[in-house]
Protein backbone atom coordinates (compact mmCIF):
# COMPACT_ATOMS: atom_id res chain seq x y z
CA UNK A 1 3.35 12.74 20.97
CA UNK A 2 1.95 12.61 24.51
CA UNK A 3 3.94 9.49 25.35
CA UNK A 4 7.09 11.05 23.94
CA UNK A 5 6.55 14.04 26.24
CA UNK A 6 6.28 11.69 29.22
CA UNK A 7 9.46 9.91 28.12
CA UNK A 8 11.21 13.27 27.77
CA UNK A 9 10.16 14.51 31.21
CA UNK A 10 10.89 11.27 33.02
CA UNK A 11 14.26 10.93 31.26
CA UNK A 12 15.06 14.53 32.24
CA UNK A 13 14.26 13.67 35.87
CA UNK A 14 16.66 10.72 35.70
CA UNK A 15 14.21 7.80 35.61
CA UNK A 16 15.39 4.50 34.10
CA UNK A 17 13.79 3.19 30.89
CA UNK A 18 12.20 0.33 32.88
CA UNK A 19 10.47 2.85 35.16
CA UNK A 20 9.26 4.89 32.22
CA UNK A 21 7.94 1.69 30.60
CA UNK A 22 6.01 0.73 33.74
CA UNK A 23 4.50 4.21 33.91
CA UNK A 24 3.37 4.08 30.26
CA UNK A 25 2.38 0.43 30.23
CA UNK A 26 4.94 -0.41 27.56
CA UNK A 27 7.65 -3.01 27.28
CA UNK A 28 11.03 -1.74 28.57
CA UNK A 29 12.62 -2.61 25.21
CA UNK A 30 10.20 -0.25 23.47
CA UNK A 31 11.32 2.67 25.62
CA UNK A 32 15.00 1.78 25.24
CA UNK A 33 14.59 1.54 21.47
CA UNK A 34 12.76 4.89 21.41
CA UNK A 35 15.56 6.54 23.38
CA UNK A 36 18.31 5.04 21.19
CA UNK A 37 16.56 5.69 17.90
CA UNK A 38 15.54 9.29 18.50
CA UNK A 39 18.42 10.71 20.52
CA UNK A 40 20.18 13.90 19.38
CA UNK A 41 23.79 13.80 18.24
CA UNK A 42 24.84 15.05 21.69
CA UNK A 43 22.92 12.27 23.47
CA UNK A 44 19.87 14.26 24.60
CA UNK A 45 16.28 13.21 23.92
CA UNK A 46 13.60 15.73 22.92
CA UNK A 47 9.98 14.81 22.25
CA UNK A 48 9.53 17.20 19.31
CA UNK A 49 12.62 16.10 17.44
CA UNK A 50 11.78 12.45 18.21
CA UNK A 51 8.38 12.93 16.56
CA UNK A 52 9.99 14.65 13.56
CA UNK A 53 12.43 11.76 13.14
CA UNK A 54 9.59 9.24 13.40
CA UNK A 55 7.62 11.13 10.75
CA UNK A 56 10.66 11.21 8.47
CA UNK A 57 11.15 7.46 8.86
CA UNK A 58 7.50 6.92 8.00
CA UNK A 59 7.81 9.04 4.86
CA UNK A 60 10.87 7.07 3.77
CA UNK A 61 8.70 3.97 3.43
CA UNK A 62 5.93 5.56 1.38
CA UNK A 63 5.67 3.90 -1.98
CA UNK A 64 6.39 6.38 -4.74
CA UNK A 65 5.60 5.89 -8.44
CA UNK A 66 8.56 5.04 -10.62
CA UNK A 67 7.51 7.32 -13.46
CA UNK A 68 10.94 8.99 -13.48
CA UNK A 69 12.57 5.79 -14.78
CA UNK A 70 12.37 6.26 -18.55
CA UNK A 71 13.42 2.70 -19.41
CA UNK A 72 10.82 1.23 -17.08
CA UNK A 73 8.10 3.47 -18.50
CA UNK A 74 8.98 2.42 -22.07
CA UNK A 75 8.81 -1.24 -21.05
CA UNK A 76 5.50 -0.80 -19.22
CA UNK A 77 4.04 1.22 -22.07
CA UNK A 78 4.98 -1.49 -24.57
CA UNK A 79 3.47 -4.19 -22.38
CA UNK A 80 0.21 -2.25 -22.02
CA UNK A 81 0.06 -1.59 -25.74
CA UNK A 82 0.68 -5.26 -26.56
CA UNK A 83 -2.01 -6.37 -24.11
CA UNK A 84 -4.53 -3.94 -25.55
CA UNK A 85 -4.12 -5.19 -29.12
CA UNK A 86 -6.62 -7.75 -30.30
CA UNK A 87 -4.93 -11.03 -31.17
CA UNK A 88 -7.39 -11.71 -33.99
CA UNK A 89 -9.53 -9.91 -36.51
CA UNK A 90 -13.16 -10.02 -35.40
CA UNK A 91 -14.38 -10.31 -39.00
CA UNK A 92 -12.03 -13.17 -39.78
CA UNK A 93 -13.47 -16.69 -40.18
CA UNK A 94 -10.84 -17.92 -37.71
CA UNK A 95 -12.06 -15.57 -34.95
CA UNK A 96 -13.42 -17.40 -31.90
CA UNK A 97 -17.16 -17.74 -31.83
CA UNK A 98 -19.11 -16.14 -29.03
CA UNK A 99 -21.89 -18.73 -29.30
CA UNK A 100 -21.87 -22.47 -29.99
CA UNK A 101 -21.48 -23.49 -33.62
CA UNK A 102 -24.78 -25.42 -33.53
CA UNK A 103 -26.70 -22.17 -32.95
CA UNK A 104 -27.69 -19.94 -35.75
CA UNK A 105 -26.17 -16.47 -35.56
CA UNK A 106 -29.66 -14.99 -35.91
CA UNK A 107 -30.71 -16.63 -32.62
CA UNK A 108 -33.02 -14.38 -30.66
CA UNK A 109 -33.77 -14.28 -26.93
CA UNK A 110 -37.33 -13.08 -27.40
CA UNK A 111 -40.04 -15.53 -26.39
CA UNK A 112 -43.52 -15.80 -27.81
CA UNK A 113 -45.13 -16.95 -24.58
CA UNK A 114 -44.47 -16.76 -20.86
CA UNK A 115 -46.00 -20.14 -19.97
CA UNK A 116 -42.64 -21.38 -18.78
CA UNK A 117 -42.66 -18.82 -15.93
CA UNK A 118 -45.56 -20.49 -14.13
């Protein structure tokens, strides 16, 4: 907002955009774009309204959820439901094994001795 106040005051005093840019350490195109983008309908530039317009432009690009689109929500809900279903019955003989077939399902990770640690 401070730079916009400087632009406003210097523009009011009749300074060229190139002069304003030199004063602020900005590229002249940046100042020209600022003046063109945020000018009032009658051609005047005000720092406060320029900031309000900039804020409005920023809000226009905020990503909003698309929960109001009923068709999209039905599609997404169906996809989530399908992905959450298990493709196989865990108790079925055709269910994928979580351990190699050569191992016994009663395999235990307990060890009788700790000699292997040394």
